[in-house]
Structures are given as C-alpha cells and as structure tokens.
Amino acid sequence: MGNAAVAVTKVAAVSSTDAAAAQLAPLPPRFAASSYLTSSSDVVSHLVLAHQTQMHNLITLTNYKTRLALNSAISRNTGGETAADTALPDGLRQQFEHPAEQLLRYLLFANETSLSGTDSERILAASPFAREFQARGLKDFKGRSLRDFDLHTRIFRYPCSYLIYSDAFDTLPEPARGYVYHRLLDILSGQDQSPDFARLTPEDRRAILEILLATKKGLPAEWQAYAKSKHLQVAVAVSQARRPS
C-alpha cells in the first residue's frame, strides 16, 4: 500500500485498481517526479521506515512508563529519592515491564508478517537505499550485521532491530534497560522457549547473540559472564564499513 494514493477527504479501502500501485516503478505518470531525488519508489525504504517508526514509538513508551513508575516510587518514599537499582513494588514494575515486553517482541520481529518469497536479488539490485543501508552496518568477526537484508521471506537476515544501537535505546532508564537486556539474553541463549519467540531458530538466536556480543557497547555484566562461560568472542574485529562518498 506504500504507493497507493488515498483521498484525505474520505476514508476508503484501497481498491483492487489502487492495489496495482504496489508494483509501481515509474512515478511520472502520477507525480511530477522532477521534484524528488529519484523517479521511482523504493519498497525497501518503505519497509525500513515503517519498522523504525514503530520501534521508536515503543522505545519512547517504555521510557515514559518507566519514568512514571520511578516518579511514583519517589512520591511514596519519604526520603524523596529512589535509586535506579531500588526494588520497585510489583504494581509499579508492571507499569514498565508491559511496554518493555512489547518493545522486546518488536525488537526481535516476533510477529513479523512473512514476505511471500520475493526476489531478493532483484529488489536489492533496484534499491540504492538498501545497498547503502547495509554498508553502514556494524559487522562482527564473521562479517555479519543486523543491517543485512533477507527480503525473501522476511525483512532482515538476522531478526533483531539495528535500533538497539540507537541513542534512544541506550538512554532507556533503569530498571527498564536492564530488564530488556536480561530478557533478551534469556531468549537468545535459548532459556526462553516460549511460543512468542518460536520463529527464532537456534541458528537465528546464536547469530544475533554473537553479533551483539561483538558489536554492541555497554552490554551488562551478565552478558559478559555468559560469553566467557561459552567461550564466545566479545567486542572483537568491530568495524563499520566506509560510507559511500
């Protein structure tokens, strides 16, 4: 539906005729393309923008709910202070754990709609955005990155959002950030085998875990201890490909 035009004066379902716009390549028949950077529509950029928008929404929601819970704890505390590592009552913890779980599921593409076996090579060849986006990824010692595309049955080859590297994620207040990291390790290490994450194969989990260990700064101590116990490499050969000039 990314290419379909809908009148703003009324609410209407996209018709079968408009649905054909999903395959629209040349735009000049419908728009004055000279006003834009390119004369075609890039489906990969649509997919990435949709993911990025919702991911930031959930990061913001988790941040907001955590601050509300901490403020409530301060109000209850006669001393007027609540440290980040202070145990919160169950009711307050639920205020941020619920959105944090939503964030975690979206981070790992738990409910991602499957692509219908699209021709990934053709899509990548037609998308300068996709090639540059991948080139900017932080790579582990095997050359893998969370920005690597699949585009055949799912968006990304390693289903964990690249926005885990963002400032917005890194500045999630405690205890929410610690909660997300702890749950993420449980899932990637295979301790959490709940149906919500059944789409993550053992190979997916291990690959994502190894990529994060090698490229993500500021991982909690329990991640470092796990890596040491499993003899996994941490923060080695981290590189960021040169950006195209």
C-alpha atoms as a PDB file:
ATOM      1  CA  MET A   1       0.000   0.000   0.000  1.00  0.00           C
ATOM      2  CA  GLY A   2       3.056   2.259   0.159  1.00  0.00           C
ATOM      3  CA  ASN A   3       2.470   3.547  -3.380  1.00  0.00           C
ATOM      4  CA  ALA A   4      -1.328   3.822  -3.201  1.00  0.00           C
ATOM      5  CA  ALA A   5      -2.828   7.311  -3.172  1.00  0.00           C
ATOM      6  CA  VAL A   6      -5.870   7.796  -0.913  1.00  0.00           C
ATOM      7  CA  ALA A   7      -8.023  10.927  -0.804  1.00  0.00           C
ATOM      8  CA  VAL A   8      -7.736  12.742   2.526  1.00  0.00           C
ATOM      9  CA  THR A   9     -11.357  13.889   2.355  1.00  0.00           C
ATOM     10  CA  LYS A  10     -12.797  10.429   2.876  1.00  0.00           C
ATOM     11  CA  VAL A  11     -11.904   7.098   4.387  1.00  0.00           C
ATOM     12  CA  ALA A  12     -11.939   4.301   1.850  1.00  0.00           C
ATOM     13  CA  ALA A  13     -10.337   0.912   1.437  1.00  0.00           C
ATOM     14  CA  VAL A  14      -7.716   0.655  -1.268  1.00  0.00           C
ATOM     15  CA  SER A  15      -9.440  -0.791  -4.323  1.00  0.00           C
ATOM     16  CA  SER A  16      -8.066  -3.577  -6.468  1.00  0.00           C
ATOM     17  CA  THR A  17      -7.094  -0.939  -9.033  1.00  0.00           C
ATOM     18  CA  ASP A  18      -5.128   1.007  -6.442  1.00  0.00           C
ATOM     19  CA  ALA A  19      -3.579  -2.209  -5.177  1.00  0.00           C
ATOM     20  CA  ALA A  20      -1.786  -2.466  -8.517  1.00  0.00           C
ATOM     21  CA  ALA A  21       0.133   0.639  -7.457  1.00  0.00           C
ATOM     22  CA  ALA A  22       2.101  -1.563  -5.083  1.00  0.00           C
ATOM     23  CA  GLN A  23       4.087  -2.675  -8.110  1.00  0.00           C
ATOM     24  CA  LEU A  24       4.502   0.890  -9.391  1.00  0.00           C
ATOM     25  CA  ALA A  25       8.040   1.514 -10.601  1.00  0.00           C
ATOM     26  CA  PRO A  26       7.989   4.683 -12.764  1.00  0.00           C
ATOM     27  CA  LEU A  27       6.227   7.507 -10.915  1.00  0.00           C
ATOM     28  CA  PRO A  28       5.985  10.282 -13.565  1.00  0.00           C
ATOM     29  CA  PRO A  29       2.559   9.077 -14.824  1.00  0.00           C
ATOM     30  CA  ARG A  30       1.125  10.028 -11.403  1.00  0.00           C
ATOM     31  CA  PHE A  31       3.504  12.634  -9.978  1.00  0.00           C
ATOM     32  CA  ALA A  32       5.851  15.377 -11.094  1.00  0.00           C
ATOM     33  CA  ALA A  33       8.909  13.286 -10.317  1.00  0.00           C
ATOM     34  CA  SER A  34      11.339  16.124 -11.091  1.00  0.00           C
ATOM     35  CA  SER A  35      10.676  17.486  -7.593  1.00  0.00           C
ATOM     36  CA  TYR A  36      12.112  14.356  -5.948  1.00  0.00           C
ATOM     37  CA  LEU A  37      15.511  12.699  -5.623  1.00  0.00           C
ATOM     38  CA  THR A  38      14.531   9.707  -7.736  1.00  0.00           C
ATOM     39  CA  SER A  39      11.808   8.928 -10.245  1.00  0.00           C
ATOM     40  CA  SER A  40      10.898   5.556  -8.728  1.00  0.00           C
ATOM     41  CA  SER A  41       9.543   4.144  -5.493  1.00  0.00           C
ATOM     42  CA  ASP A  42      11.836   2.089  -3.229  1.00  0.00           C
ATOM     43  CA  VAL A  43       9.910  -0.617  -1.366  1.00  0.00           C
ATOM     44  CA  VAL A  44      12.877  -1.367   0.933  1.00  0.00           C
ATOM     45  CA  SER A  45      12.906   2.165   2.283  1.00  0.00           C
ATOM     46  CA  HIS A  46       9.165   1.889   2.976  1.00  0.00           C
ATOM     47  CA  LEU A  47       9.706  -1.305   4.970  1.00  0.00           C
ATOM     48  CA  VAL A  48      12.595   0.125   6.969  1.00  0.00           C
ATOM     49  CA  LEU A  49      10.784   3.382   7.731  1.00  0.00           C
ATOM     50  CA  ALA A  50       7.705   1.509   8.956  1.00  0.00           C
ATOM     51  CA  HIS A  51       9.831  -0.619  11.277  1.00  0.00           C
ATOM     52  CA  GLN A  52      11.892   2.296  12.537  1.00  0.00           C
ATOM     53  CA  THR A  53       8.831   4.422  13.316  1.00  0.00           C
ATOM     54  CA  GLN A  54       7.119   1.781  15.441  1.00  0.00           C
ATOM     55  CA  MET A  55      10.363   0.787  17.156  1.00  0.00           C
ATOM     56  CA  HIS A  56      10.941   4.379  18.270  1.00  0.00           C
ATOM     57  CA  ASN A  57       7.316   4.583  19.430  1.00  0.00           C
ATOM     58  CA  LEU A  58       7.854   1.565  21.708  1.00  0.00           C
ATOM     59  CA  ILE A  59      11.191   2.839  22.994  1.00  0.00           C
ATOM     60  CA  THR A  60       9.522   6.140  23.846  1.00  0.00           C
ATOM     61  CA  LEU A  61       6.575   4.408  25.522  1.00  0.00           C
ATOM     62  CA  THR A  62       8.868   2.236  27.661  1.00  0.00           C
ATOM     63  CA  ASN A  63      10.952   5.263  28.616  1.00  0.00           C
ATOM     64  CA  TYR A  64       7.859   7.263  29.581  1.00  0.00           C
ATOM     65  CA  LYS A  65       6.228   4.476  31.592  1.00  0.00           C
ATOM     66  CA  THR A  66       9.471   3.786  33.454  1.00  0.00           C
ATOM     67  CA  ARG A  67       9.859   7.419  34.444  1.00  0.00           C
ATOM     68  CA  LEU A  68       6.260   7.489  35.665  1.00  0.00           C
ATOM     69  CA  ALA A  69       6.892   4.381  37.795  1.00  0.00           C
ATOM     70  CA  LEU A  70      10.077   5.873  39.258  1.00  0.00           C
ATOM     71  CA  ASN A  71       8.282   9.131  39.998  1.00  0.00           C
ATOM     72  CA  SER A  72       5.527   7.229  41.794  1.00  0.00           C
ATOM     73  CA  ALA A  73       8.164   5.415  43.839  1.00  0.00           C
ATOM     74  CA  ILE A  74       9.753   8.711  44.794  1.00  0.00           C
ATOM     75  CA  SER A  75       6.367  10.066  45.876  1.00  0.00           C
ATOM     76  CA  ARG A  76       5.880   7.055  48.139  1.00  0.00           C
ATOM     77  CA  ASN A  77       9.353   7.350  49.601  1.00  0.00           C
ATOM     78  CA  THR A  78       9.500   9.831  52.459  1.00  0.00           C
ATOM     79  CA  GLY A  79      13.193  10.343  51.730  1.00  0.00           C
ATOM     80  CA  GLY A  80      12.326  11.763  48.341  1.00  0.00           C
ATOM     81  CA  GLU A  81      14.822   9.623  46.409  1.00  0.00           C
ATOM     82  CA  THR A  82      14.730   6.305  44.579  1.00  0.00           C
ATOM     83  CA  ALA A  83      17.894   4.799  43.131  1.00  0.00           C
ATOM     84  CA  ALA A  84      17.750   3.037  39.772  1.00  0.00           C
ATOM     85  CA  ASP A  85      18.545  -0.320  41.375  1.00  0.00           C
ATOM     86  CA  THR A  86      15.894   0.018  44.078  1.00  0.00           C
ATOM     87  CA  ALA A  87      13.373  -2.823  44.031  1.00  0.00           C
ATOM     88  CA  LEU A  88      10.010  -1.441  42.998  1.00  0.00           C
ATOM     89  CA  PRO A  89       6.646  -2.820  44.123  1.00  0.00           C
ATOM     90  CA  ASP A  90       5.042  -5.272  41.691  1.00  0.00           C
ATOM     91  CA  GLY A  91       2.389  -2.769  40.641  1.00  0.00           C
ATOM     92  CA  LEU A  92       4.982  -0.185  39.640  1.00  0.00           C
ATOM     93  CA  ARG A  93       7.177  -2.749  37.917  1.00  0.00           C
ATOM     94  CA  GLN A  94       4.273  -3.843  35.763  1.00  0.00           C
ATOM     95  CA  GLN A  95       3.911  -0.263  34.551  1.00  0.00           C
ATOM     96  CA  PHE A  96       7.178  -0.502  32.609  1.00  0.00           C
ATOM     97  CA  GLU A  97       7.564  -4.273  32.194  1.00  0.00           C
ATOM     98  CA  HIS A  98       4.483  -4.491  29.994  1.00  0.00           C
ATOM     99  CA  PRO A  99       5.696  -1.932  27.415  1.00  0.00           C
ATOM    100  CA  ALA A 100       9.225  -3.351  27.769  1.00  0.00           C
ATOM    101  CA  GLU A 101       7.881  -6.763  26.707  1.00  0.00           C
ATOM    102  CA  GLN A 102       6.170  -5.136  23.729  1.00  0.00           C
ATOM    103  CA  LEU A 103       9.466  -3.481  22.859  1.00  0.00           C
ATOM    104  CA  LEU A 104      11.295  -6.796  23.187  1.00  0.00           C
ATOM    105  CA  ARG A 105       8.898  -8.598  20.853  1.00  0.00           C
ATOM    106  CA  TYR A 106       9.152  -5.878  18.253  1.00  0.00           C
ATOM    107  CA  LEU A 107      12.934  -5.773  18.631  1.00  0.00           C
ATOM    108  CA  LEU A 108      13.040  -9.464  17.661  1.00  0.00           C
ATOM    109  CA  PHE A 109      10.358  -9.257  14.942  1.00  0.00           C
ATOM    110  CA  ALA A 110       8.219 -11.752  16.860  1.00  0.00           C
ATOM    111  CA  ASN A 111       5.028 -11.004  14.912  1.00  0.00           C
ATOM    112  CA  GLU A 112       6.570 -10.030  11.591  1.00  0.00           C
ATOM    113  CA  THR A 113       4.451 -10.674   8.533  1.00  0.00           C
ATOM    114  CA  SER A 114       6.250 -13.095   6.232  1.00  0.00           C
ATOM    115  CA  LEU A 115       7.225 -11.922   2.779  1.00  0.00           C
ATOM    116  CA  SER A 116       5.854 -14.113   0.028  1.00  0.00           C
ATOM    117  CA  GLY A 117       9.092 -15.469  -1.366  1.00  0.00           C
ATOM    118  CA  THR A 118      10.065 -12.250  -3.136  1.00  0.00           C
ATOM    119  CA  ASP A 119      13.056 -11.997  -5.461  1.00  0.00           C
ATOM    120  CA  SER A 120      15.534 -10.506  -3.016  1.00  0.00           C
ATOM    121  CA  GLU A 121      18.348 -10.168  -5.555  1.00  0.00           C
ATOM    122  CA  ARG A 122      16.146  -8.129  -7.895  1.00  0.00           C
ATOM    123  CA  ILE A 123      14.917  -5.925  -5.056  1.00  0.00           C
ATOM    124  CA  LEU A 124      18.440  -5.236  -3.785  1.00  0.00           C
ATOM    125  CA  ALA A 125      19.687  -4.501  -7.297  1.00  0.00           C
ATOM    126  CA  ALA A 126      16.938  -1.925  -7.757  1.00  0.00           C
ATOM    127  CA  SER A 127      17.429  -0.252  -4.370  1.00  0.00           C
ATOM    128  CA  PRO A 128      20.382   2.113  -3.848  1.00  0.00           C
ATOM    129  CA  PHE A 129      18.942   2.732  -0.372  1.00  0.00           C
ATOM    130  CA  ALA A 130      19.245  -0.956   0.558  1.00  0.00           C
ATOM    131  CA  ARG A 131      22.859  -1.146  -0.551  1.00  0.00           C
ATOM    132  CA  GLU A 132      23.885   1.957   1.381  1.00  0.00           C
ATOM    133  CA  PHE A 133      21.858   0.913   4.430  1.00  0.00           C
ATOM    134  CA  GLN A 134      23.660  -2.431   4.576  1.00  0.00           C
ATOM    135  CA  ALA A 135      27.064  -0.803   4.043  1.00  0.00           C
ATOM    136  CA  ARG A 136      26.598   1.266   7.213  1.00  0.00           C
ATOM    137  CA  GLY A 137      26.172  -1.762   9.457  1.00  0.00           C
ATOM    138  CA  LEU A 138      28.481  -2.662  12.338  1.00  0.00           C
ATOM    139  CA  LYS A 139      29.973  -6.045  11.442  1.00  0.00           C
ATOM    140  CA  ASP A 140      31.135  -8.858  13.696  1.00  0.00           C
ATOM    141  CA  PHE A 141      34.220 -11.019  13.187  1.00  0.00           C
ATOM    142  CA  LYS A 142      32.309 -13.087  10.598  1.00  0.00           C
ATOM    143  CA  GLY A 143      31.226 -10.033   8.612  1.00  0.00           C
ATOM    144  CA  ARG A 144      27.606 -10.226   9.804  1.00  0.00           C
ATOM    145  CA  SER A 145      25.484  -7.197  10.621  1.00  0.00           C
ATOM    146  CA  LEU A 146      21.991  -6.525  11.947  1.00  0.00           C
ATOM    147  CA  ARG A 147      21.537  -4.328   8.859  1.00  0.00           C
ATOM    148  CA  ASP A 148      21.915  -7.280   6.486  1.00  0.00           C
ATOM    149  CA  PHE A 149      18.738  -7.784   4.473  1.00  0.00           C
ATOM    150  CA  ASP A 150      16.925 -11.003   3.679  1.00  0.00           C
ATOM    151  CA  LEU A 151      13.986  -9.663   1.620  1.00  0.00           C
ATOM    152  CA  HIS A 152      12.911 -13.140   0.569  1.00  0.00           C
ATOM    153  CA  THR A 153      10.779 -14.352   3.460  1.00  0.00           C
ATOM    154  CA  ARG A 154      11.482 -11.573   5.997  1.00  0.00           C
ATOM    155  CA  ILE A 155      12.998  -8.104   6.055  1.00  0.00           C
ATOM    156  CA  PHE A 156      16.319  -8.748   7.805  1.00  0.00           C
ATOM    157  CA  ARG A 157      18.606 -11.755   7.678  1.00  0.00           C
ATOM    158  CA  TYR A 158      19.206 -11.606  11.449  1.00  0.00           C
ATOM    159  CA  PRO A 159      15.865 -10.632  13.058  1.00  0.00           C
ATOM    160  CA  CYS A 160      16.951  -8.171  15.716  1.00  0.00           C
ATOM    161  CA  SER A 161      16.449  -4.461  15.171  1.00  0.00           C
ATOM    162  CA  TYR A 162      19.510  -2.374  14.309  1.00  0.00           C
ATOM    163  CA  LEU A 163      17.945   0.315  16.535  1.00  0.00           C
ATOM    164  CA  ILE A 164      19.421  -1.491  19.522  1.00  0.00           C
ATOM    165  CA  TYR A 165      22.476   0.643  18.672  1.00  0.00           C
ATOM    166  CA  SER A 166      20.496   3.893  18.849  1.00  0.00           C
ATOM    167  CA  ASP A 167      20.888   6.618  21.462  1.00  0.00           C
ATOM    168  CA  ALA A 168      17.172   6.268  22.209  1.00  0.00           C
ATOM    169  CA  PHE A 169      17.652   2.634  23.224  1.00  0.00           C
ATOM    170  CA  ASP A 170      20.857   3.304  25.150  1.00  0.00           C
ATOM    171  CA  THR A 171      19.199   6.041  27.212  1.00  0.00           C
ATOM    172  CA  LEU A 172      16.276   3.922  28.373  1.00  0.00           C
ATOM    173  CA  PRO A 173      16.208   4.488  32.132  1.00  0.00           C
ATOM    174  CA  GLU A 174      16.934   1.732  34.577  1.00  0.00           C
ATOM    175  CA  PRO A 175      15.440  -0.615  35.547  1.00  0.00           C
ATOM    176  CA  ALA A 176      13.759  -0.909  32.132  1.00  0.00           C
ATOM    177  CA  ARG A 177      17.005  -1.148  30.149  1.00  0.00           C
ATOM    178  CA  GLY A 178      18.329  -3.864  32.436  1.00  0.00           C
ATOM    179  CA  TYR A 179      15.029  -5.734  32.160  1.00  0.00           C
ATOM    180  CA  VAL A 180      15.132  -5.703  28.356  1.00  0.00           C
ATOM    181  CA  TYR A 181      18.755  -6.853  28.284  1.00  0.00           C
ATOM    182  CA  HIS A 182      18.066  -9.669  30.761  1.00  0.00           C
ATOM    183  CA  ARG A 183      15.052 -10.914  28.821  1.00  0.00           C
ATOM    184  CA  LEU A 184      16.932 -10.609  25.535  1.00  0.00           C
ATOM    185  CA  LEU A 185      19.749 -12.802  26.847  1.00  0.00           C
ATOM    186  CA  ASP A 186      17.227 -15.366  28.096  1.00  0.00           C
ATOM    187  CA  ILE A 187      15.716 -15.582  24.619  1.00  0.00           C
ATOM    188  CA  LEU A 188      18.925 -15.577  22.584  1.00  0.00           C
ATOM    189  CA  SER A 189      20.604 -18.129  24.854  1.00  0.00           C
ATOM    190  CA  GLY A 190      17.631 -20.467  24.461  1.00  0.00           C
ATOM    191  CA  GLN A 191      16.482 -20.343  28.080  1.00  0.00           C
ATOM    192  CA  ASP A 192      13.182 -18.772  26.991  1.00  0.00           C
ATOM    193  CA  GLN A 193      11.448 -21.174  24.595  1.00  0.00           C
ATOM    194  CA  SER A 194       8.013 -19.575  24.825  1.00  0.00           C
ATOM    195  CA  PRO A 195       5.758 -19.649  21.739  1.00  0.00           C
ATOM    196  CA  ASP A 196       6.081 -15.869  21.355  1.00  0.00           C
ATOM    197  CA  PHE A 197       9.615 -16.361  20.034  1.00  0.00           C
ATOM    198  CA  ALA A 198       9.162 -19.702  18.298  1.00  0.00           C
ATOM    199  CA  ARG A 199      10.011 -18.170  14.927  1.00  0.00           C
ATOM    200  CA  LEU A 200      13.570 -17.604  16.097  1.00  0.00           C
ATOM    201  CA  THR A 201      15.529 -20.712  15.154  1.00  0.00           C
ATOM    202  CA  PRO A 202      18.522 -21.818  17.248  1.00  0.00           C
ATOM    203  CA  GLU A 203      20.712 -20.572  14.393  1.00  0.00           C
ATOM    204  CA  ASP A 204      18.991 -17.162  14.454  1.00  0.00           C
ATOM    205  CA  ARG A 205      19.423 -16.835  18.199  1.00  0.00           C
ATOM    206  CA  ARG A 206      23.088 -17.766  18.180  1.00  0.00           C
ATOM    207  CA  ALA A 207      23.886 -15.482  15.245  1.00  0.00           C
ATOM    208  CA  ILE A 208      22.142 -12.482  16.838  1.00  0.00           C
ATOM    209  CA  LEU A 209      23.825 -13.172  20.179  1.00  0.00           C
ATOM    210  CA  GLU A 210      27.275 -13.392  18.584  1.00  0.00           C
ATOM    211  CA  ILE A 211      26.712 -10.211  16.553  1.00  0.00           C
ATOM    212  CA  LEU A 212      25.631  -8.255  19.632  1.00  0.00           C
ATOM    213  CA  LEU A 213      28.490  -9.548  21.756  1.00  0.00           C
ATOM    214  CA  ALA A 214      30.962  -8.474  19.092  1.00  0.00           C
ATOM    215  CA  THR A 215      29.468  -5.104  18.177  1.00  0.00           C
ATOM    216  CA  LYS A 216      27.297  -3.690  20.959  1.00  0.00           C
ATOM    217  CA  LYS A 217      28.992  -1.451  23.500  1.00  0.00           C
ATOM    218  CA  GLY A 218      27.911  -1.317  27.125  1.00  0.00           C
ATOM    219  CA  LEU A 219      26.457  -4.819  27.444  1.00  0.00           C
ATOM    220  CA  PRO A 220      25.558  -5.752  31.046  1.00  0.00           C
ATOM    221  CA  ALA A 221      27.864  -7.872  33.183  1.00  0.00           C
ATOM    222  CA  GLU A 222      25.653 -10.953  32.836  1.00  0.00           C
ATOM    223  CA  TRP A 223      26.193 -10.841  29.059  1.00  0.00           C
ATOM    224  CA  GLN A 224      29.943 -10.680  29.573  1.00  0.00           C
ATOM    225  CA  ALA A 225      29.803 -13.573  32.048  1.00  0.00           C
ATOM    226  CA  TYR A 226      27.698 -15.653  29.645  1.00  0.00           C
ATOM    227  CA  ALA A 227      30.121 -15.019  26.789  1.00  0.00           C
ATOM    228  CA  LYS A 228      33.044 -16.045  28.960  1.00  0.00           C
ATOM    229  CA  SER A 229      31.310 -19.236  30.095  1.00  0.00           C
ATOM    230  CA  LYS A 230      30.528 -20.197  26.478  1.00  0.00           C
ATOM    231  CA  HIS A 231      33.907 -19.070  25.118  1.00  0.00           C
ATOM    232  CA  LEU A 232      32.274 -16.536  22.814  1.00  0.00           C
ATOM    233  CA  GLN A 233      34.245 -13.631  21.421  1.00  0.00           C
ATOM    234  CA  VAL A 234      33.332 -10.210  22.732  1.00  0.00           C
ATOM    235  CA  ALA A 235      33.903  -6.873  21.016  1.00  0.00           C
ATOM    236  CA  VAL A 236      36.489  -8.119  18.555  1.00  0.00           C
ATOM    237  CA  ALA A 237      37.015  -7.041  14.977  1.00  0.00           C
ATOM    238  CA  VAL A 238      34.236  -4.484  15.258  1.00  0.00           C
ATOM    239  CA  SER A 239      34.130  -2.473  12.081  1.00  0.00           C
ATOM    240  CA  GLN A 240      31.845  -0.067  10.324  1.00  0.00           C
ATOM    241  CA  ALA A 241      32.039  -0.115   6.579  1.00  0.00           C
ATOM    242  CA  ARG A 242      33.066   3.139   4.947  1.00  0.00           C
ATOM    243  CA  ARG A 243      30.129   5.202   3.883  1.00  0.00           C
ATOM    244  CA  PRO A 244      29.786   5.767   0.145  1.00  0.00           C
ATOM    245  CA  SER A 245      31.125   9.148  -0.882  1.00  0.00           C
END
